[in-house]
Amino acid sequence: MTNRGAIAAALCAALAAGCDSIPKNALLSCEQDVQVLPAQTDLLFVIDDSRSMSEEQENLRQNLAAFVGTLAASPVPNDFRIGVTTTDVHNTFGMTSFFPTDVAPFNQFTYPVPYAQGTILAIDPGALTNDALRGKPVHDQANGYLAPSARRFLAATPGDLDAFETNVLVGTYGSGKEEPLRATELALGARIEDGTNAGFLRPGARLGIVMVTDEDDCSERAAIGAALAATNNDQCHDATIKANGLLAPAAFVSFLDGPIAGEVRRPVVAVIAGFHADTGAPTGCATSYDDPTRLAGLLDLLGEERAFRGSICDASFGPSLQRIADLLVPQTVPIDGAPPDARMLVVAVQRRDSTTVRCPVAEAGAPDAAQAAAVYTPPREGPATLTFQGACLLRSGDRVELRVACAR
């Protein structure tokens, strides 16, 4: 039997139907290549720049090389775009929007230090070797505090590692009123709309958010310039104000799950804060200054598949960043060269330890789809996709194996 005839016969048998001719969408070569297509992920770091965060920023910086390497080991080719902002939103020091250069400790600066209010920053490259430059934005006095040359949007590649390490050194002269939720809203909302962060969010890209803080969230629901529910750090710790006066975690989840820059993205969120290092409970830890009850509530609302909590008290953030990299691996991936029937697709995942897990495939909507390890969705407006689940959930360092089952 010819190769073409054998494939037609295999199709007929696989589909349990008689046929006299080759279907127009039949697979015509057993050597047809089936491969996972690249994905895009935009990743926002929101970093506490209050006066207690020097060691934590350095801890983060020291572990970014391994983090970037883990992102590069994704089983799905992934193009990352990374930006960094701070938890600064509202001015509670009675100062102008820029720290005055005639008031200690800010009088050491020859440049104004802004409240970021969601602006994605680029820090002076000298900050890697000169602690005095940590937190200094790449500044253009004539055109605003971000120079046109500022390297704000970075890739997860060795070539951008120095800039990434520099940009997380956001300094320790920010507000003691940490507002990571509100800063995130501004970075992905108002700062996109007014052009400040234009170009950060790409059409069709997934979205990840990483918050690093040693306090609980104290995000105001009020607009900038309006009366604040908490005007000092003690009020940020008050349980009644936390529960009733601030931006509700449920409202923030509604923002995350609504259109962001015109698209519904359902981002994943990781928080490194004052969680117990062993249990993950929001009970605070040695180097945190408040129990992160509001941040815990946010993560609980998102659920395990979209949320991660790490401890700000960990001696190394490396293990947490590894877990975050795993969370950022796409589980629904586009594929090219898919066969006309899901039952002809053979899928396996090779784990980091070289063990192989077979992934039985079901078509989306089929009765067995919920129990299958991989769910195939045929091409419609875009390419076909595979969704990995259960025993075949993907992790960094895995390798996806795809082939077509056909006879000769």
Foldseek 3Di string as FASTA:
>chain_A
DDLQVQQQVQVCVVVVHDDDDRPPQFDRDQPFDKDFAAAEEEEEEEEEQAQLCQVLLVLVLVQLLVLLVLLPLFQHHYKYKYFYAYQFAADLPPDPQWDDLVDPPNVVDPDTQGRCLQFGFFFDLCCVPDVVRQQQTCQDVVPGGHDPPGPGIDTSDPVCSSRVSRSSSNHHHGDPQGARLSSNCCNQPVCCVVVSNPPSDDPRHAYEYEYEALEAHQAAPDDHPDDALDSDDVSSQDPVCVVPGHDALVVSQVVQQDDGVHHRRLAAYEYAYQADQPPRAQPGDDSHDHRHPRVVVNQVVSDDLRYYYHYSPDPHCNVVSQVVSFSPRAQKTFMPRDGPDFQQKWKWKQAQVRDIGTWDEDEPPDPCHVVTQWYWYPDDPHGIIIGGDDPGRTHRNMHMDIGTDGDD
